[in-house]
């Protein structure tokens, strides 16, 4: 059973930075695709960044150049470094894992992931 626990959210002003962490237990191998998602009030959950089983990272256009997804060598903690934050980045952020090799746009589909954390809130003020 994979368990994911996010941390690192908070409130920052526009232009600031935050680093989210996602501690994983129940898996240690590289057969999982990992992703960060976010959901703002009244909106659908959307993919933000992902790492596939081959270690390649992908980002949605709205965060390219500002966010960086990474994982530690032991592959038990996933990170999302968020720089140059904007008010529109305000949302609950979730990490997710899927025991599958996800490529292309499938990386950003919530329905492809079956393991989720509880979320951590990020609020960016103007």
N, C-alpha and C. Protein backbone atom coordinates (compact mmCIF):
# COMPACT_ATOMS: atom_id res chain seq x y z
N UNK A 1 0.84 -1.18 0.00
CA UNK A 1 0.00 0.00 0.00
C UNK A 1 0.89 1.25 0.00
N UNK A 2 0.75 2.06 -1.03
CA UNK A 2 1.53 3.28 -1.13
C UNK A 2 0.85 4.38 -0.31
N UNK A 3 1.64 5.05 0.51
CA UNK A 3 1.14 6.18 1.27
C UNK A 3 1.98 7.40 0.93
N UNK A 4 1.30 8.52 0.73
CA UNK A 4 1.96 9.76 0.35
C UNK A 4 1.55 10.86 1.31
N UNK A 5 2.51 11.62 1.79
CA UNK A 5 2.24 12.70 2.73
C UNK A 5 2.96 13.96 2.25
N UNK A 6 2.17 14.99 1.91
CA UNK A 6 2.75 16.25 1.44
C UNK A 6 3.02 17.19 2.60
N UNK A 7 3.96 18.09 2.38
CA UNK A 7 4.25 19.14 3.34
C UNK A 7 4.92 20.29 2.60
N UNK A 8 5.04 21.42 3.27
CA UNK A 8 5.76 22.55 2.69
C UNK A 8 4.90 23.67 2.16
N UNK A 9 3.59 23.50 2.18
CA UNK A 9 2.74 24.57 1.71
C UNK A 9 2.75 25.76 2.65
N UNK A 10 2.14 26.85 2.22
CA UNK A 10 2.09 28.04 3.06
C UNK A 10 1.60 29.24 2.27
N UNK A 11 1.76 30.40 2.87
CA UNK A 11 1.34 31.65 2.25
C UNK A 11 2.56 32.49 1.92
N UNK A 12 2.63 32.95 0.68
CA UNK A 12 3.74 33.78 0.24
C UNK A 12 3.20 34.91 -0.63
N UNK A 13 4.01 35.93 -0.81
CA UNK A 13 3.65 37.01 -1.72
C UNK A 13 4.08 36.63 -3.14
N UNK A 14 3.44 37.26 -4.08
CA UNK A 14 3.80 37.03 -5.48
C UNK A 14 5.29 37.27 -5.69
N UNK A 15 5.90 36.37 -6.46
CA UNK A 15 7.33 36.45 -6.69
C UNK A 15 8.14 35.59 -5.74
N UNK A 16 7.50 35.10 -4.70
CA UNK A 16 8.19 34.29 -3.72
C UNK A 16 8.34 32.85 -4.14
N UNK A 17 8.90 32.04 -3.25
CA UNK A 17 9.18 30.64 -3.53
C UNK A 17 8.70 29.75 -2.40
N UNK A 18 8.40 28.52 -2.76
CA UNK A 18 8.08 27.47 -1.80
C UNK A 18 8.62 26.16 -2.35
N UNK A 19 8.95 25.25 -1.44
CA UNK A 19 9.31 23.90 -1.86
C UNK A 19 8.39 22.91 -1.18
N UNK A 20 7.67 22.18 -1.98
CA UNK A 20 6.78 21.14 -1.47
C UNK A 20 7.52 19.82 -1.42
N UNK A 21 7.20 19.03 -0.42
CA UNK A 21 7.77 17.68 -0.29
C UNK A 21 6.64 16.67 -0.22
N UNK A 22 6.93 15.48 -0.69
CA UNK A 22 5.97 14.39 -0.63
C UNK A 22 6.73 13.14 -0.19
N UNK A 23 6.50 12.74 1.05
CA UNK A 23 7.16 11.55 1.58
C UNK A 23 6.35 10.33 1.23
N UNK A 24 7.01 9.36 0.61
CA UNK A 24 6.32 8.16 0.15
C UNK A 24 6.77 6.95 0.96
N UNK A 25 5.85 6.09 1.23
CA UNK A 25 6.16 4.81 1.85
C UNK A 25 5.40 3.72 1.12
N UNK A 26 5.90 2.51 1.19
CA UNK A 26 5.22 1.40 0.53
C UNK A 26 5.73 1.11 -0.86
N UNK A 27 6.65 1.96 -1.34
CA UNK A 27 7.28 1.66 -2.61
C UNK A 27 8.67 2.28 -2.61
N UNK A 28 9.61 1.67 -3.27
CA UNK A 28 10.95 2.22 -3.36
C UNK A 28 11.55 2.04 -4.75
N UNK A 29 10.75 1.50 -5.68
CA UNK A 29 11.36 1.24 -6.97
C UNK A 29 10.99 2.31 -7.99
N UNK A 30 11.51 2.17 -9.18
CA UNK A 30 11.32 3.17 -10.22
C UNK A 30 10.24 2.76 -11.21
N UNK A 31 9.36 1.87 -10.81
CA UNK A 31 8.27 1.47 -11.69
C UNK A 31 7.04 2.35 -11.55
N UNK A 32 7.18 3.41 -10.75
CA UNK A 32 6.07 4.32 -10.53
C UNK A 32 6.31 5.65 -11.24
N UNK A 33 5.28 6.15 -11.87
CA UNK A 33 5.28 7.53 -12.32
C UNK A 33 4.75 8.38 -11.17
N UNK A 34 5.34 9.55 -11.02
CA UNK A 34 4.98 10.44 -9.91
C UNK A 34 4.56 11.79 -10.45
N UNK A 35 3.63 12.40 -9.76
CA UNK A 35 3.16 13.69 -10.25
C UNK A 35 2.73 14.63 -9.16
N UNK A 36 2.74 15.90 -9.49
CA UNK A 36 2.16 16.95 -8.64
C UNK A 36 0.94 17.51 -9.35
N UNK A 37 -0.13 17.64 -8.61
CA UNK A 37 -1.38 18.18 -9.11
C UNK A 37 -1.82 19.33 -8.22
N UNK A 38 -2.75 20.12 -8.71
CA UNK A 38 -3.31 21.18 -7.87
C UNK A 38 -4.78 21.37 -8.19
N UNK A 39 -5.48 21.86 -7.20
CA UNK A 39 -6.91 22.11 -7.37
C UNK A 39 -7.29 23.37 -6.64
N UNK A 40 -7.76 24.34 -7.40
CA UNK A 40 -8.24 25.59 -6.84
C UNK A 40 -9.74 25.46 -6.58
N UNK A 41 -10.29 26.24 -5.67
CA UNK A 41 -11.73 26.15 -5.38
C UNK A 41 -12.57 26.34 -6.63
N UNK A 42 -13.50 25.42 -6.83
CA UNK A 42 -14.40 25.52 -7.97
C UNK A 42 -13.82 25.08 -9.29
N UNK A 43 -12.59 24.57 -9.26
CA UNK A 43 -11.95 24.14 -10.49
C UNK A 43 -11.59 22.67 -10.43
N UNK A 44 -11.37 22.08 -11.59
CA UNK A 44 -10.95 20.69 -11.66
C UNK A 44 -9.50 20.55 -11.20
N UNK A 45 -9.17 19.35 -10.75
CA UNK A 45 -7.78 19.07 -10.40
C UNK A 45 -6.96 19.02 -11.69
N UNK A 46 -5.81 19.66 -11.68
CA UNK A 46 -4.98 19.71 -12.89
C UNK A 46 -3.57 19.26 -12.59
N UNK A 47 -2.97 18.59 -13.56
CA UNK A 47 -1.59 18.19 -13.43
C UNK A 47 -0.67 19.38 -13.58
N UNK A 48 0.43 19.36 -12.85
CA UNK A 48 1.38 20.46 -12.86
C UNK A 48 2.74 19.99 -13.37
N UNK A 49 3.22 18.89 -12.80
CA UNK A 49 4.53 18.37 -13.16
C UNK A 49 4.55 16.88 -12.89
N UNK A 50 5.40 16.16 -13.62
CA UNK A 50 5.47 14.72 -13.41
C UNK A 50 6.86 14.20 -13.71
N UNK A 51 7.16 13.06 -13.12
CA UNK A 51 8.37 12.31 -13.42
C UNK A 51 7.94 10.91 -13.82
N UNK A 52 8.34 10.48 -15.00
CA UNK A 52 7.96 9.15 -15.44
C UNK A 52 8.97 8.14 -14.94
N UNK A 53 8.74 6.86 -15.29
CA UNK A 53 9.59 5.79 -14.79
C UNK A 53 11.02 5.88 -15.32
N UNK A 54 11.20 6.60 -16.43
CA UNK A 54 12.56 6.74 -16.96
C UNK A 54 13.28 7.95 -16.38
N UNK A 55 12.62 8.63 -15.44
CA UNK A 55 13.24 9.78 -14.79
C UNK A 55 13.02 11.10 -15.50
N UNK A 56 12.35 11.08 -16.63
CA UNK A 56 12.14 12.32 -17.38
C UNK A 56 11.03 13.14 -16.73
N UNK A 57 11.23 14.44 -16.71
CA UNK A 57 10.28 15.36 -16.10
C UNK A 57 9.51 16.11 -17.17
N UNK A 58 8.26 16.40 -16.86
CA UNK A 58 7.43 17.19 -17.76
C UNK A 58 6.63 18.19 -16.95
N UNK A 59 6.28 19.30 -17.60
CA UNK A 59 5.56 20.38 -16.93
C UNK A 59 4.46 20.90 -17.84
N UNK A 60 3.42 21.40 -17.23
CA UNK A 60 2.42 22.10 -18.02
C UNK A 60 2.97 23.49 -18.33
N UNK A 61 2.46 24.08 -19.40
CA UNK A 61 3.03 25.34 -19.87
C UNK A 61 2.99 26.44 -18.82
N UNK A 62 1.96 26.45 -18.01
CA UNK A 62 1.77 27.55 -17.06
C UNK A 62 2.85 27.60 -15.97
N UNK A 63 3.60 26.51 -15.79
CA UNK A 63 4.62 26.48 -14.74
C UNK A 63 6.03 26.27 -15.28
N UNK A 64 6.15 26.07 -16.57
CA UNK A 64 7.48 25.84 -17.15
C UNK A 64 8.40 27.02 -16.86
N UNK A 65 9.62 26.69 -16.46
CA UNK A 65 10.59 27.73 -16.14
C UNK A 65 10.47 28.27 -14.74
N UNK A 66 9.39 27.92 -14.04
CA UNK A 66 9.20 28.40 -12.67
C UNK A 66 9.21 27.25 -11.65
N UNK A 67 8.68 26.11 -12.02
CA UNK A 67 8.59 24.96 -11.12
C UNK A 67 9.58 23.89 -11.55
N UNK A 68 10.11 23.16 -10.57
CA UNK A 68 11.01 22.05 -10.84
C UNK A 68 10.60 20.86 -9.99
N UNK A 69 10.36 19.73 -10.63
CA UNK A 69 10.04 18.50 -9.92
C UNK A 69 11.31 17.67 -9.81
N UNK A 70 11.48 17.02 -8.67
CA UNK A 70 12.65 16.18 -8.48
C UNK A 70 12.35 15.14 -7.42
N UNK A 71 13.22 14.14 -7.34
CA UNK A 71 13.08 13.14 -6.28
C UNK A 71 14.46 12.79 -5.77
N UNK A 72 14.51 12.34 -4.54
CA UNK A 72 15.81 12.04 -3.97
C UNK A 72 16.33 10.70 -4.48
N UNK A 73 17.59 10.43 -4.22
CA UNK A 73 18.21 9.23 -4.78
C UNK A 73 17.57 7.95 -4.27
N UNK A 74 17.07 7.99 -3.07
CA UNK A 74 16.41 6.81 -2.52
C UNK A 74 15.00 6.64 -3.08
N UNK A 75 14.55 7.66 -3.83
CA UNK A 75 13.25 7.62 -4.50
C UNK A 75 12.10 7.46 -3.52
N UNK A 76 12.31 8.04 -2.34
CA UNK A 76 11.22 7.98 -1.38
C UNK A 76 10.61 9.34 -1.09
N UNK A 77 11.22 10.42 -1.59
CA UNK A 77 10.66 11.75 -1.41
C UNK A 77 10.62 12.49 -2.73
N UNK A 78 9.48 13.04 -3.02
CA UNK A 78 9.26 13.82 -4.24
C UNK A 78 9.19 15.29 -3.85
N UNK A 79 9.77 16.15 -4.66
CA UNK A 79 9.79 17.57 -4.37
C UNK A 79 9.18 18.37 -5.52
N UNK A 80 8.69 19.55 -5.18
CA UNK A 80 8.29 20.52 -6.18
C UNK A 80 8.81 21.88 -5.73
N UNK A 81 9.85 22.35 -6.38
CA UNK A 81 10.37 23.68 -6.12
C UNK A 81 9.59 24.67 -6.96
N UNK A 82 8.98 25.64 -6.29
CA UNK A 82 8.14 26.61 -6.97
C UNK A 82 8.73 28.00 -6.78
N UNK A 83 9.14 28.61 -7.87
CA UNK A 83 9.71 29.95 -7.85
C UNK A 83 8.81 30.91 -8.62
N UNK A 84 9.04 32.19 -8.40
CA UNK A 84 8.27 33.23 -9.11
C UNK A 84 6.77 32.95 -9.03
N UNK A 85 6.32 32.68 -7.84
CA UNK A 85 4.91 32.30 -7.66
C UNK A 85 3.98 33.46 -8.02
N UNK A 86 2.83 33.07 -8.54
CA UNK A 86 1.81 34.03 -8.96
C UNK A 86 0.52 33.75 -8.20
N UNK A 87 -0.34 34.75 -8.07
CA UNK A 87 -1.63 34.51 -7.37
C UNK A 87 -2.41 33.35 -7.99
N UNK A 88 -2.29 33.16 -9.28
CA UNK A 88 -3.04 32.07 -9.93
C UNK A 88 -2.47 30.69 -9.61
N UNK A 89 -1.35 30.63 -8.90
CA UNK A 89 -0.83 29.35 -8.44
C UNK A 89 -1.49 28.90 -7.14
N UNK A 90 -2.32 29.76 -6.57
CA UNK A 90 -3.01 29.42 -5.33
C UNK A 90 -3.91 28.22 -5.53
N UNK A 91 -3.71 27.19 -4.70
CA UNK A 91 -4.47 25.94 -4.82
C UNK A 91 -4.04 24.98 -3.73
N UNK A 92 -4.79 23.90 -3.61
CA UNK A 92 -4.33 22.76 -2.82
C UNK A 92 -3.47 21.91 -3.75
N UNK A 93 -2.30 21.57 -3.29
CA UNK A 93 -1.36 20.79 -4.10
C UNK A 93 -1.30 19.36 -3.57
N UNK A 94 -1.35 18.42 -4.51
CA UNK A 94 -1.35 17.00 -4.18
C UNK A 94 -0.21 16.29 -4.92
N UNK A 95 0.40 15.32 -4.26
CA UNK A 95 1.28 14.43 -5.00
C UNK A 95 0.54 13.13 -5.25
N UNK A 96 0.96 12.44 -6.31
CA UNK A 96 0.28 11.22 -6.72
C UNK A 96 1.28 10.25 -7.31
N UNK A 97 0.94 8.98 -7.24
CA UNK A 97 1.81 7.93 -7.78
C UNK A 97 0.97 6.93 -8.56
N UNK A 98 1.56 6.43 -9.64
CA UNK A 98 0.90 5.43 -10.47
C UNK A 98 1.93 4.37 -10.84
N UNK A 99 1.58 3.11 -10.61
CA UNK A 99 2.49 2.04 -10.97
C UNK A 99 2.34 1.74 -12.46
N UNK A 100 2.87 2.67 -13.23
CA UNK A 100 2.76 2.58 -14.68
C UNK A 100 3.73 3.57 -15.30
N UNK A 101 4.12 3.29 -16.52
CA UNK A 101 4.95 4.23 -17.26
C UNK A 101 4.02 5.17 -18.02
N UNK A 102 3.90 6.36 -17.53
CA UNK A 102 3.01 7.35 -18.14
C UNK A 102 3.83 8.31 -19.00
N UNK A 103 3.37 8.49 -20.20
CA UNK A 103 4.06 9.36 -21.14
C UNK A 103 3.10 10.37 -21.74
N UNK A 104 3.68 11.42 -22.28
CA UNK A 104 2.88 12.43 -22.95
C UNK A 104 1.85 13.05 -22.03
N UNK A 105 0.69 13.34 -22.59
CA UNK A 105 -0.33 14.03 -21.82
C UNK A 105 -0.94 13.14 -20.73
N UNK A 106 -0.76 11.82 -20.82
CA UNK A 106 -1.29 10.93 -19.78
C UNK A 106 -0.65 11.23 -18.43
N UNK A 107 0.52 11.82 -18.44
CA UNK A 107 1.19 12.14 -17.19
C UNK A 107 0.37 13.11 -16.35
N UNK A 108 -0.47 13.90 -16.98
CA UNK A 108 -1.18 14.97 -16.28
C UNK A 108 -2.65 14.65 -16.05
N UNK A 109 -3.04 13.42 -16.32
CA UNK A 109 -4.43 13.02 -16.10
C UNK A 109 -4.60 12.43 -14.71
N UNK A 110 -5.38 13.06 -13.85
CA UNK A 110 -5.58 12.52 -12.49
C UNK A 110 -6.09 11.08 -12.50
N UNK A 111 -6.89 10.73 -13.49
CA UNK A 111 -7.48 9.39 -13.53
C UNK A 111 -6.44 8.29 -13.72
N UNK A 112 -5.23 8.65 -14.13
CA UNK A 112 -4.17 7.66 -14.33
C UNK A 112 -3.45 7.33 -13.04
N UNK A 113 -3.70 8.06 -11.99
CA UNK A 113 -3.01 7.86 -10.72
C UNK A 113 -3.99 7.27 -9.70
N UNK A 114 -3.51 6.29 -8.96
CA UNK A 114 -4.39 5.66 -7.98
C UNK A 114 -3.90 5.78 -6.54
N UNK A 115 -2.86 6.56 -6.35
CA UNK A 115 -2.36 6.81 -5.00
C UNK A 115 -2.19 8.32 -4.83
N UNK A 116 -2.80 8.86 -3.78
CA UNK A 116 -2.83 10.30 -3.58
C UNK A 116 -2.50 10.66 -2.13
N UNK A 117 -1.86 11.80 -1.97
CA UNK A 117 -1.68 12.35 -0.64
C UNK A 117 -2.89 13.17 -0.24
N UNK A 118 -2.82 13.76 0.95
CA UNK A 118 -3.95 14.52 1.48
C UNK A 118 -3.94 15.97 1.02
N UNK A 119 -2.82 16.43 0.49
CA UNK A 119 -2.74 17.78 -0.04
C UNK A 119 -2.10 18.76 0.93
N UNK A 120 -1.54 19.82 0.37
CA UNK A 120 -0.98 20.91 1.15
C UNK A 120 -1.35 22.22 0.46
N UNK A 121 -1.80 23.19 1.24
CA UNK A 121 -2.34 24.42 0.67
C UNK A 121 -1.22 25.41 0.35
N UNK A 122 -1.30 25.99 -0.83
CA UNK A 122 -0.41 27.06 -1.26
C UNK A 122 -1.26 28.28 -1.57
N UNK A 123 -0.93 29.40 -0.92
CA UNK A 123 -1.66 30.65 -1.13
C UNK A 123 -0.67 31.73 -1.51
N UNK A 124 -0.89 32.36 -2.65
CA UNK A 124 -0.01 33.41 -3.14
C UNK A 124 -0.80 34.71 -3.21
N UNK A 125 -0.35 35.71 -2.50
CA UNK A 125 -1.04 36.99 -2.47
C UNK A 125 -0.33 37.99 -3.38
N UNK A 126 -1.12 38.90 -3.93
CA UNK A 126 -0.56 39.90 -4.86
C UNK A 126 -0.04 41.12 -4.12
